[in-house]
Every structure is written in structure tokens, then in C-alpha cells.
mmCIF file of all heavy atoms, coordinates in Angstrom:
data_MODEL
# 
_entry.id   MODEL 
# 
loop_
_atom_site.group_PDB 
_atom_site.id 
_atom_site.type_symbol 
_atom_site.label_atom_id 
_atom_site.label_alt_id 
_atom_site.label_comp_id 
_atom_site.label_asym_id 
_atom_site.label_entity_id 
_atom_site.label_seq_id 
_atom_site.pdbx_PDB_ins_code 
_atom_site.Cartn_x 
_atom_site.Cartn_y 
_atom_site.Cartn_z 
_atom_site.occupancy 
_atom_site.B_iso_or_equiv 
_atom_site.pdbx_formal_charge 
_atom_site.auth_seq_id 
_atom_site.auth_comp_id 
_atom_site.auth_asym_id 
_atom_site.auth_atom_id 
_atom_site.pdbx_PDB_model_num 
ATOM 1   N N   . ARG A 1 1  ? -36.769 -54.434 182.868 1.00 0.00 ? 1  ARG A N   1 
ATOM 2   C CA  . ARG A 1 1  ? -35.758 -54.547 181.805 1.00 0.00 ? 1  ARG A CA  1 
ATOM 3   C C   . ARG A 1 1  ? -34.404 -55.035 182.224 1.00 0.00 ? 1  ARG A C   1 
ATOM 4   O O   . ARG A 1 1  ? -33.692 -55.655 181.471 1.00 0.00 ? 1  ARG A O   1 
ATOM 5   C CB  . ARG A 1 1  ? -35.631 -53.165 181.093 1.00 0.00 ? 1  ARG A CB  1 
ATOM 6   C CG  . ARG A 1 1  ? -36.795 -52.666 180.314 1.00 0.00 ? 1  ARG A CG  1 
ATOM 7   C CD  . ARG A 1 1  ? -37.147 -53.626 179.203 1.00 0.00 ? 1  ARG A CD  1 
ATOM 8   N NE  . ARG A 1 1  ? -38.238 -53.121 178.321 1.00 0.00 ? 1  ARG A NE  1 
ATOM 9   C CZ  . ARG A 1 1  ? -38.031 -52.420 177.220 1.00 0.00 ? 1  ARG A CZ  1 
ATOM 10  N NH1 . ARG A 1 1  ? -36.820 -52.313 176.739 1.00 0.00 ? 1  ARG A NH1 1 
ATOM 11  N NH2 . ARG A 1 1  ? -38.995 -52.049 176.463 1.00 0.00 ? 1  ARG A NH2 1 
ATOM 12  N N   . HIS A 1 2  ? -34.095 -54.732 183.492 1.00 0.00 ? 2  HIS A N   1 
ATOM 13  C CA  . HIS A 1 2  ? -32.767 -55.241 184.001 1.00 0.00 ? 2  HIS A CA  1 
ATOM 14  C C   . HIS A 1 2  ? -32.837 -56.690 184.436 1.00 0.00 ? 2  HIS A C   1 
ATOM 15  O O   . HIS A 1 2  ? -33.798 -57.090 185.068 1.00 0.00 ? 2  HIS A O   1 
ATOM 16  C CB  . HIS A 1 2  ? -32.306 -54.344 185.163 1.00 0.00 ? 2  HIS A CB  1 
ATOM 17  C CG  . HIS A 1 2  ? -30.822 -54.483 185.510 1.00 0.00 ? 2  HIS A CG  1 
ATOM 18  N ND1 . HIS A 1 2  ? -30.296 -55.499 186.236 1.00 0.00 ? 2  HIS A ND1 1 
ATOM 19  C CD2 . HIS A 1 2  ? -29.743 -53.652 185.143 1.00 0.00 ? 2  HIS A CD2 1 
ATOM 20  C CE1 . HIS A 1 2  ? -29.032 -55.383 186.254 1.00 0.00 ? 2  HIS A CE1 1 
ATOM 21  N NE2 . HIS A 1 2  ? -28.672 -54.322 185.685 1.00 0.00 ? 2  HIS A NE2 1 
ATOM 22  N N   . PRO A 1 3  ? -31.857 -57.529 184.152 1.00 0.00 ? 3  PRO A N   1 
ATOM 23  C CA  . PRO A 1 3  ? -31.915 -58.858 184.575 1.00 0.00 ? 3  PRO A CA  1 
ATOM 24  C C   . PRO A 1 3  ? -32.130 -59.061 186.039 1.00 0.00 ? 3  PRO A C   1 
ATOM 25  O O   . PRO A 1 3  ? -32.683 -60.104 186.486 1.00 0.00 ? 3  PRO A O   1 
ATOM 26  C CB  . PRO A 1 3  ? -30.564 -59.483 184.062 1.00 0.00 ? 3  PRO A CB  1 
ATOM 27  C CG  . PRO A 1 3  ? -30.138 -58.559 182.942 1.00 0.00 ? 3  PRO A CG  1 
ATOM 28  C CD  . PRO A 1 3  ? -30.682 -57.228 183.334 1.00 0.00 ? 3  PRO A CD  1 
ATOM 29  N N   . TYR A 1 4  ? -31.584 -58.149 186.843 1.00 0.00 ? 4  TYR A N   1 
ATOM 30  C CA  . TYR A 1 4  ? -31.697 -58.298 188.309 1.00 0.00 ? 4  TYR A CA  1 
ATOM 31  C C   . TYR A 1 4  ? -33.174 -58.085 188.672 1.00 0.00 ? 4  TYR A C   1 
ATOM 32  O O   . TYR A 1 4  ? -33.743 -58.836 189.482 1.00 0.00 ? 4  TYR A O   1 
ATOM 33  C CB  . TYR A 1 4  ? -30.814 -57.331 188.970 1.00 0.00 ? 4  TYR A CB  1 
ATOM 34  C CG  . TYR A 1 4  ? -30.920 -57.259 190.528 1.00 0.00 ? 4  TYR A CG  1 
ATOM 35  C CD1 . TYR A 1 4  ? -30.596 -58.465 191.200 1.00 0.00 ? 4  TYR A CD1 1 
ATOM 36  C CD2 . TYR A 1 4  ? -31.326 -56.212 191.244 1.00 0.00 ? 4  TYR A CD2 1 
ATOM 37  C CE1 . TYR A 1 4  ? -30.682 -58.545 192.560 1.00 0.00 ? 4  TYR A CE1 1 
ATOM 38  C CE2 . TYR A 1 4  ? -31.484 -56.233 192.581 1.00 0.00 ? 4  TYR A CE2 1 
ATOM 39  C CZ  . TYR A 1 4  ? -31.188 -57.401 193.267 1.00 0.00 ? 4  TYR A CZ  1 
ATOM 40  O OH  . TYR A 1 4  ? -31.253 -57.459 194.663 1.00 0.00 ? 4  TYR A OH  1 
ATOM 41  N N   . THR A 1 5  ? -33.813 -57.054 188.146 1.00 0.00 ? 5  THR A N   1 
ATOM 42  C CA  . THR A 1 5  ? -35.252 -56.784 188.417 1.00 0.00 ? 5  THR A CA  1 
ATOM 43  C C   . THR A 1 5  ? -36.028 -57.977 187.976 1.00 0.00 ? 5  THR A C   1 
ATOM 44  O O   . THR A 1 5  ? -36.988 -58.469 188.758 1.00 0.00 ? 5  THR A O   1 
ATOM 45  C CB  . THR A 1 5  ? -35.694 -55.523 187.695 1.00 0.00 ? 5  THR A CB  1 
ATOM 46  O OG1 . THR A 1 5  ? -34.826 -54.452 188.058 1.00 0.00 ? 5  THR A OG1 1 
ATOM 47  C CG2 . THR A 1 5  ? -37.146 -55.161 188.106 1.00 0.00 ? 5  THR A CG2 1 
ATOM 48  N N   . GLN A 1 6  ? -35.793 -58.581 186.797 1.00 0.00 ? 6  GLN A N   1 
ATOM 49  C CA  . GLN A 1 6  ? -36.466 -59.688 186.300 1.00 0.00 ? 6  GLN A CA  1 
ATOM 50  C C   . GLN A 1 6  ? -36.333 -60.924 187.308 1.00 0.00 ? 6  GLN A C   1 
ATOM 51  O O   . GLN A 1 6  ? -37.291 -61.668 187.538 1.00 0.00 ? 6  GLN A O   1 
ATOM 52  C CB  . GLN A 1 6  ? -36.016 -60.037 184.924 1.00 0.00 ? 6  GLN A CB  1 
ATOM 53  C CG  . GLN A 1 6  ? -36.314 -59.038 183.898 1.00 0.00 ? 6  GLN A CG  1 
ATOM 54  C CD  . GLN A 1 6  ? -35.610 -59.152 182.568 1.00 0.00 ? 6  GLN A CD  1 
ATOM 55  O OE1 . GLN A 1 6  ? -34.727 -60.070 182.458 1.00 0.00 ? 6  GLN A OE1 1 
ATOM 56  N NE2 . GLN A 1 6  ? -35.964 -58.365 181.553 1.00 0.00 ? 6  GLN A NE2 1 
ATOM 57  N N   . GLY A 1 7  ? -35.101 -61.102 187.856 1.00 0.00 ? 7  GLY A N   1 
ATOM 58  C CA  . GLY A 1 7  ? -34.845 -62.174 188.751 1.00 0.00 ? 7  GLY A CA  1 
ATOM 59  C C   . GLY A 1 7  ? -35.595 -61.979 190.051 1.00 0.00 ? 7  GLY A C   1 
ATOM 60  O O   . GLY A 1 7  ? -36.164 -62.934 190.622 1.00 0.00 ? 7  GLY A O   1 
ATOM 61  N N   . LEU A 1 8  ? -35.643 -60.788 190.540 1.00 0.00 ? 8  LEU A N   1 
ATOM 62  C CA  . LEU A 1 8  ? -36.421 -60.478 191.732 1.00 0.00 ? 8  LEU A CA  1 
ATOM 63  C C   . LEU A 1 8  ? -37.947 -60.834 191.630 1.00 0.00 ? 8  LEU A C   1 
ATOM 64  O O   . LEU A 1 8  ? -38.535 -61.360 192.487 1.00 0.00 ? 8  LEU A O   1 
ATOM 65  C CB  . LEU A 1 8  ? -36.254 -59.037 192.194 1.00 0.00 ? 8  LEU A CB  1 
ATOM 66  C CG  . LEU A 1 8  ? -34.970 -58.541 192.769 1.00 0.00 ? 8  LEU A CG  1 
ATOM 67  C CD1 . LEU A 1 8  ? -34.949 -57.022 193.014 1.00 0.00 ? 8  LEU A CD1 1 
ATOM 68  C CD2 . LEU A 1 8  ? -34.587 -59.321 193.992 1.00 0.00 ? 8  LEU A CD2 1 
ATOM 69  N N   . LEU A 1 9  ? -38.505 -60.352 190.465 1.00 0.00 ? 9  LEU A N   1 
ATOM 70  C CA  . LEU A 1 9  ? -39.887 -60.645 190.255 1.00 0.00 ? 9  LEU A CA  1 
ATOM 71  C C   . LEU A 1 9  ? -40.211 -62.140 190.012 1.00 0.00 ? 9  LEU A C   1 
ATOM 72  O O   . LEU A 1 9  ? -41.167 -62.709 190.493 1.00 0.00 ? 9  LEU A O   1 
ATOM 73  C CB  . LEU A 1 9  ? -40.390 -59.901 189.017 1.00 0.00 ? 9  LEU A CB  1 
ATOM 74  C CG  . LEU A 1 9  ? -40.384 -58.367 189.153 1.00 0.00 ? 9  LEU A CG  1 
ATOM 75  C CD1 . LEU A 1 9  ? -40.667 -57.731 187.887 1.00 0.00 ? 9  LEU A CD1 1 
ATOM 76  C CD2 . LEU A 1 9  ? -41.445 -57.990 190.164 1.00 0.00 ? 9  LEU A CD2 1 
ATOM 77  N N   . ARG A 1 10 ? -39.219 -62.881 189.396 1.00 0.00 ? 10 ARG A N   1 
ATOM 78  C CA  . ARG A 1 10 ? -39.493 -64.354 189.235 1.00 0.00 ? 10 ARG A CA  1 
ATOM 79  C C   . ARG A 1 10 ? -39.380 -65.025 190.547 1.00 0.00 ? 10 ARG A C   1 
ATOM 80  O O   . ARG A 1 10 ? -40.020 -66.138 190.744 1.00 0.00 ? 10 ARG A O   1 
ATOM 81  C CB  . ARG A 1 10 ? -38.375 -64.911 188.308 1.00 0.00 ? 10 ARG A CB  1 
ATOM 82  C CG  . ARG A 1 10 ? -38.662 -64.721 186.848 1.00 0.00 ? 10 ARG A CG  1 
ATOM 83  C CD  . ARG A 1 10 ? -37.726 -65.669 186.042 1.00 0.00 ? 10 ARG A CD  1 
ATOM 84  N NE  . ARG A 1 10 ? -36.370 -65.327 186.220 1.00 0.00 ? 10 ARG A NE  1 
ATOM 85  C CZ  . ARG A 1 10 ? -35.637 -64.462 185.501 1.00 0.00 ? 10 ARG A CZ  1 
ATOM 86  N NH1 . ARG A 1 10 ? -36.167 -63.812 184.528 1.00 0.00 ? 10 ARG A NH1 1 
ATOM 87  N NH2 . ARG A 1 10 ? -34.369 -64.278 185.769 1.00 0.00 ? 10 ARG A NH2 1 
ATOM 88  N N   . ALA A 1 11 ? -38.712 -64.531 191.568 1.00 0.00 ? 11 ALA A N   1 
ATOM 89  C CA  . ALA A 1 11 ? -38.499 -65.108 192.770 1.00 0.00 ? 11 ALA A CA  1 
ATOM 90  C C   . ALA A 1 11 ? -39.660 -64.922 193.818 1.00 0.00 ? 11 ALA A C   1 
ATOM 91  O O   . ALA A 1 11 ? -39.695 -65.542 194.859 1.00 0.00 ? 11 ALA A O   1 
ATOM 92  C CB  . ALA A 1 11 ? -37.232 -64.597 193.482 1.00 0.00 ? 11 ALA A CB  1 
ATOM 93  N N   . ILE A 1 12 ? -40.701 -64.114 193.356 1.00 0.00 ? 12 ILE A N   1 
ATOM 94  C CA  . ILE A 1 12 ? -41.882 -63.987 194.240 1.00 0.00 ? 12 ILE A CA  1 
ATOM 95  C C   . ILE A 1 12 ? -42.709 -65.203 194.146 1.00 0.00 ? 12 ILE A C   1 
ATOM 96  O O   . ILE A 1 12 ? -43.009 -65.697 193.128 1.00 0.00 ? 12 ILE A O   1 
ATOM 97  C CB  . ILE A 1 12 ? -42.702 -62.758 193.623 1.00 0.00 ? 12 ILE A CB  1 
ATOM 98  C CG1 . ILE A 1 12 ? -41.914 -61.504 193.728 1.00 0.00 ? 12 ILE A CG1 1 
ATOM 99  C CG2 . ILE A 1 12 ? -44.051 -62.641 194.515 1.00 0.00 ? 12 ILE A CG2 1 
ATOM 100 C CD1 . ILE A 1 12 ? -42.633 -60.275 193.109 1.00 0.00 ? 12 ILE A CD1 1 
ATOM 101 N N   . PRO A 1 13 ? -42.966 -65.814 195.406 1.00 0.00 ? 13 PRO A N   1 
ATOM 102 C CA  . PRO A 1 13 ? -43.772 -67.051 195.392 1.00 0.00 ? 13 PRO A CA  1 
ATOM 103 C C   . PRO A 1 13 ? -45.167 -66.809 194.751 1.00 0.00 ? 13 PRO A C   1 
ATOM 104 O O   . PRO A 1 13 ? -45.776 -65.812 195.066 1.00 0.00 ? 13 PRO A O   1 
ATOM 105 C CB  . PRO A 1 13 ? -43.866 -67.402 196.881 1.00 0.00 ? 13 PRO A CB  1 
ATOM 106 C CG  . PRO A 1 13 ? -42.746 -66.618 197.574 1.00 0.00 ? 13 PRO A CG  1 
ATOM 107 C CD  . PRO A 1 13 ? -42.511 -65.369 196.742 1.00 0.00 ? 13 PRO A CD  1 
ATOM 108 N N   . PRO A 1 14 ? -45.583 -67.733 193.965 1.00 0.00 ? 14 PRO A N   1 
ATOM 109 C CA  . PRO A 1 14 ? -46.985 -67.569 193.384 1.00 0.00 ? 14 PRO A CA  1 
ATOM 110 C C   . PRO A 1 14 ? -48.036 -67.871 194.362 1.00 0.00 ? 14 PRO A C   1 
ATOM 111 O O   . PRO A 1 14 ? -47.886 -68.575 195.398 1.00 0.00 ? 14 PRO A O   1 
ATOM 112 C CB  . PRO A 1 14 ? -46.932 -68.596 192.259 1.00 0.00 ? 14 PRO A CB  1 
ATOM 113 C CG  . PRO A 1 14 ? -45.971 -69.671 192.714 1.00 0.00 ? 14 PRO A CG  1 
ATOM 114 C CD  . PRO A 1 14 ? -44.913 -68.969 193.513 1.00 0.00 ? 14 PRO A CD  1 
ATOM 115 N N   . LEU A 1 15 ? -49.222 -67.292 194.151 1.00 0.00 ? 15 LEU A N   1 
ATOM 116 C CA  . LEU A 1 15 ? -50.332 -67.427 195.085 1.00 0.00 ? 15 LEU A CA  1 
ATOM 117 C C   . LEU A 1 15 ? -50.972 -68.862 194.885 1.00 0.00 ? 15 LEU A C   1 
ATOM 118 O O   . LEU A 1 15 ? -51.577 -69.500 195.874 1.00 0.00 ? 15 LEU A O   1 
ATOM 119 C CB  . LEU A 1 15 ? -51.412 -66.428 194.851 1.00 0.00 ? 15 LEU A CB  1 
ATOM 120 C CG  . LEU A 1 15 ? -51.008 -64.943 195.253 1.00 0.00 ? 15 LEU A CG  1 
ATOM 121 C CD1 . LEU A 1 15 ? -52.115 -64.015 194.841 1.00 0.00 ? 15 LEU A CD1 1 
ATOM 122 C CD2 . LEU A 1 15 ? -50.662 -64.812 196.690 1.00 0.00 ? 15 LEU A CD2 1 
ATOM 123 N N   . SER A 1 16 ? -50.882 -69.432 193.716 1.00 0.00 ? 16 SER A N   1 
ATOM 124 C CA  . SER A 1 16 ? -51.520 -70.700 193.445 1.00 0.00 ? 16 SER A CA  1 
ATOM 125 C C   . SER A 1 16 ? -50.588 -71.801 193.965 1.00 0.00 ? 16 SER A C   1 
ATOM 126 O O   . SER A 1 16 ? -49.319 -71.608 194.130 1.00 0.00 ? 16 SER A O   1 
ATOM 127 C CB  . SER A 1 16 ? -51.734 -70.907 191.973 1.00 0.00 ? 16 SER A CB  1 
ATOM 128 O OG  . SER A 1 16 ? -50.471 -70.775 191.269 1.00 0.00 ? 16 SER A OG  1 
ATOM 129 N N   . LYS A 1 17 ? -51.226 -72.921 194.291 1.00 0.00 ? 17 LYS A N   1 
ATOM 130 C CA  . LYS A 1 17 ? -50.519 -74.086 194.778 1.00 0.00 ? 17 LYS A CA  1 
ATOM 131 C C   . LYS A 1 17 ? -49.643 -74.680 193.645 1.00 0.00 ? 17 LYS A C   1 
ATOM 132 O O   . LYS A 1 17 ? -50.072 -74.903 192.541 1.00 0.00 ? 17 LYS A O   1 
ATOM 133 C CB  . LYS A 1 17 ? -51.493 -75.156 195.273 1.00 0.00 ? 17 LYS A CB  1 
ATOM 134 C CG  . LYS A 1 17 ? -50.718 -76.322 195.960 1.00 0.00 ? 17 LYS A CG  1 
ATOM 135 C CD  . LYS A 1 17 ? -51.757 -77.327 196.533 1.00 0.00 ? 17 LYS A CD  1 
ATOM 136 C CE  . LYS A 1 17 ? -51.071 -78.521 197.214 1.00 0.00 ? 17 LYS A CE  1 
ATOM 137 N NZ  . LYS A 1 17 ? -52.065 -79.455 197.766 1.00 0.00 ? 17 LYS A NZ  1 
ATOM 138 N N   . LEU A 1 18 ? -48.415 -74.899 193.960 1.00 0.00 ? 18 LEU A N   1 
ATOM 139 C CA  . LEU A 1 18 ? -47.453 -75.510 193.021 1.00 0.00 ? 18 LEU A CA  1 
ATOM 140 C C   . LEU A 1 18 ? -47.465 -77.072 193.023 1.00 0.00 ? 18 LEU A C   1 
ATOM 141 O O   . LEU A 1 18 ? -47.581 -77.567 194.073 1.00 0.00 ? 18 LEU A O   1 
ATOM 142 C CB  . LEU A 1 18 ? -46.064 -74.988 193.171 1.00 0.00 ? 18 LEU A CB  1 
ATOM 143 C CG  . LEU A 1 18 ? -45.791 -73.484 193.026 1.00 0.00 ? 18 LEU A CG  1 
ATOM 144 C CD1 . LEU A 1 18 ? -44.425 -72.996 193.411 1.00 0.00 ? 18 LEU A CD1 1 
ATOM 145 C CD2 . LEU A 1 18 ? -46.023 -73.078 191.607 1.00 0.00 ? 18 LEU A CD2 1 
ATOM 146 N N   . PRO A 1 19 ? -47.174 -77.696 191.863 1.00 0.00 ? 19 PRO A N   1 
ATOM 147 C CA  . PRO A 1 19 ? -47.017 -79.131 191.920 1.00 0.00 ? 19 PRO A CA  1 
ATOM 148 C C   . PRO A 1 19 ? -45.930 -79.612 192.832 1.00 0.00 ? 19 PRO A C   1 
ATOM 149 O O   . PRO A 1 19 ? -44.894 -78.909 193.096 1.00 0.00 ? 19 PRO A O   1 
ATOM 150 C CB  . PRO A 1 19 ? -46.698 -79.503 190.504 1.00 0.00 ? 19 PRO A CB  1 
ATOM 151 C CG  . PRO A 1 19 ? -47.145 -78.329 189.707 1.00 0.00 ? 19 PRO A CG  1 
ATOM 152 C CD  . PRO A 1 19 ? -46.977 -77.117 190.600 1.00 0.00 ? 19 PRO A CD  1 
ATOM 153 N N   . ALA A 1 20 ? -46.061 -80.816 193.391 1.00 0.00 ? 20 ALA A N   1 
ATOM 154 C CA  . ALA A 1 20 ? -45.099 -81.326 194.360 1.00 0.00 ? 20 ALA A CA  1 
ATOM 155 C C   . ALA A 1 20 ? -43.732 -81.419 193.631 1.00 0.00 ? 20 ALA A C   1 
ATOM 156 O O   . ALA A 1 20 ? -43.610 -81.790 192.495 1.00 0.00 ? 20 ALA A O   1 
ATOM 157 C CB  . ALA A 1 20 ? -45.488 -82.689 194.777 1.00 0.00 ? 20 ALA A CB  1 
ATOM 158 N N   . GLY A 1 21 ? -42.709 -81.000 194.389 1.00 0.00 ? 21 GLY A N   1 
ATOM 159 C CA  . GLY A 1 21 ? -41.337 -81.018 193.940 1.00 0.00 ? 21 GLY A CA  1 
ATOM 160 C C   . GLY A 1 21 ? -40.909 -79.798 193.089 1.00 0.00 ? 21 GLY A C   1 
ATOM 161 O O   . GLY A 1 21 ? -39.752 -79.746 192.719 1.00 0.00 ? 21 GLY A O   1 
ATOM 162 N N   . THR A 1 22 ? -41.812 -78.884 192.892 1.00 0.00 ? 22 THR A N   1 
ATOM 163 C CA  . THR A 1 22 ? -41.452 -77.623 192.209 1.00 0.00 ? 22 THR A CA  1 
ATOM 164 C C   . THR A 1 22 ? -40.517 -76.744 193.056 1.00 0.00 ? 22 THR A C   1 
ATOM 165 O O   . THR A 1 22 ? -40.821 -76.543 194.210 1.00 0.00 ? 22 THR A O   1 
ATOM 166 C CB  . THR A 1 22 ? -42.732 -76.837 191.783 1.00 0.00 ? 22 THR A CB  1 
ATOM 167 O OG1 . THR A 1 22 ? -43.655 -77.631 191.050 1.00 0.00 ? 22 THR A OG1 1 
ATOM 168 C CG2 . THR A 1 22 ? -42.381 -75.564 191.075 1.00 0.00 ? 22 THR A CG2 1 
ATOM 169 N N   . ARG A 1 23 ? -39.473 -76.293 192.413 1.00 0.00 ? 23 ARG A N   1 
ATOM 170 C CA  . ARG A 1 23 ? -38.536 -75.438 193.122 1.00 0.00 ? 23 ARG A CA  1 
ATOM 171 C C   . ARG A 1 23 ? -38.822 -73.937 192.849 1.00 0.00 ? 23 ARG A C   1 
ATOM 172 O O   . ARG A 1 23 ? -39.179 -73.595 191.662 1.00 0.00 ? 23 ARG A O   1 
ATOM 173 C CB  . ARG A 1 23 ? -37.084 -75.732 192.683 1.00 0.00 ? 23 ARG A CB  1 
ATOM 174 C CG  . ARG A 1 23 ? -36.614 -77.211 193.095 1.00 0.00 ? 23 ARG A CG  1 
ATOM 175 C CD  . ARG A 1 23 ? -35.257 -77.435 192.490 1.00 0.00 ? 23 ARG A CD  1 
ATOM 176 N NE  . ARG A 1 23 ? -34.317 -76.585 193.111 1.00 0.00 ? 23 ARG A NE  1 
ATOM 177 C CZ  . ARG A 1 23 ? -33.650 -76.913 194.285 1.00 0.00 ? 23 ARG A CZ  1 
ATOM 178 N NH1 . ARG A 1 23 ? -33.873 -78.049 194.871 1.00 0.00 ? 23 ARG A NH1 1 
ATOM 179 N NH2 . ARG A 1 23 ? -32.702 -76.086 194.736 1.00 0.00 ? 23 ARG A NH2 1 
ATOM 180 N N   . PHE A 1 24 ? -38.705 -73.124 193.804 1.00 0.00 ? 24 PHE A N   1 
ATOM 181 C CA  . PHE A 1 24 ? -38.891 -71.673 193.587 1.00 0.00 ? 24 PHE A CA  1 
ATOM 182 C C   . PHE A 1 24 ? -37.711 -71.193 192.807 1.00 0.00 ? 24 PHE A C   1 
ATOM 183 O O   . PHE A 1 24 ? -36.588 -71.642 192.930 1.00 0.00 ? 24 PHE A O   1 
ATOM 184 C CB  . PHE A 1 24 ? -38.947 -70.905 194.951 1.00 0.00 ? 24 PHE A CB  1 
ATOM 185 C CG  . PHE A 1 24 ? -40.267 -71.137 195.700 1.00 0.00 ? 24 PHE A CG  1 
ATOM 186 C CD1 . PHE A 1 24 ? -40.251 -71.796 196.969 1.00 0.00 ? 24 PHE A CD1 1 
ATOM 187 C CD2 . PHE A 1 24 ? -41.500 -70.820 195.114 1.00 0.00 ? 24 PHE A CD2 1 
ATOM 188 C CE1 . PHE A 1 24 ? -41.416 -71.969 197.705 1.00 0.00 ? 24 PHE A CE1 1 
ATOM 189 C CE2 . PHE A 1 24 ? -42.609 -71.024 195.792 1.00 0.00 ? 24 PHE A CE2 1 
ATOM 190 C CZ  . PHE A 1 24 ? -42.699 -71.601 197.033 1.00 0.00 ? 24 PHE A CZ  1 
ATOM 191 N N   . ALA A 1 25 ? -38.021 -70.146 191.967 1.00 0.00 ? 25 ALA A N   1 
ATOM 192 C CA  . ALA A 1 25 ? -36.941 -69.481 191.222 1.00 0.00 ? 25 ALA A CA  1 
ATOM 193 C C   . ALA A 1 25 ? -36.061 -68.666 192.163 1.00 0.00 ? 25 ALA A C   1 
ATOM 194 O O   . ALA A 1 25 ? -36.521 -68.070 193.124 1.00 0.00 ? 25 ALA A O   1 
ATOM 195 C CB  . ALA A 1 25 ? -37.569 -68.539 190.176 1.00 0.00 ? 25 ALA A CB  1 
ATOM 196 N N   . THR A 1 26 ? -34.742 -68.685 191.874 1.00 0.00 ? 26 THR A N   1 
ATOM 197 C CA  . THR A 1 26 ? -33.788 -67.897 192.690 1.00 0.00 ? 26 THR A CA  1 
ATOM 198 C C   . THR A 1 26 ? -32.793 -67.180 191.782 1.00 0.00 ? 26 THR A C   1 
ATOM 199 O O   . THR A 1 26 ? -32.693 -67.544 190.535 1.00 0.00 ? 26 THR A O   1 
ATOM 200 C CB  . THR A 1 26 ? -32.997 -68.832 193.691 1.00 0.00 ? 26 THR A CB  1 
ATOM 201 O OG1 . THR A 1 26 ? -32.282 -69.837 192.909 1.00 0.00 ? 26 THR A OG1 1 
ATOM 202 C CG2 . THR A 1 26 ? -33.964 -69.578 194.582 1.00 0.00 ? 26 THR A CG2 1 
# 
């Protein structure tokens, strides 16, 4: 629920391969 917690979870790198040029969430 907290925006900080949501930001931390979004910043976890996914296990699947990302398309070239995709930037990680920060």
C-alpha cells in the first residue's frame, strides 16, 4: 500500500528475459 514499498517491489529484476533496451524500474 505504501508508494515506497510499491517502488521497492517494482525494482526487483524479473526472472524472464527483457527486450533489448528495456530499463529496470527505479
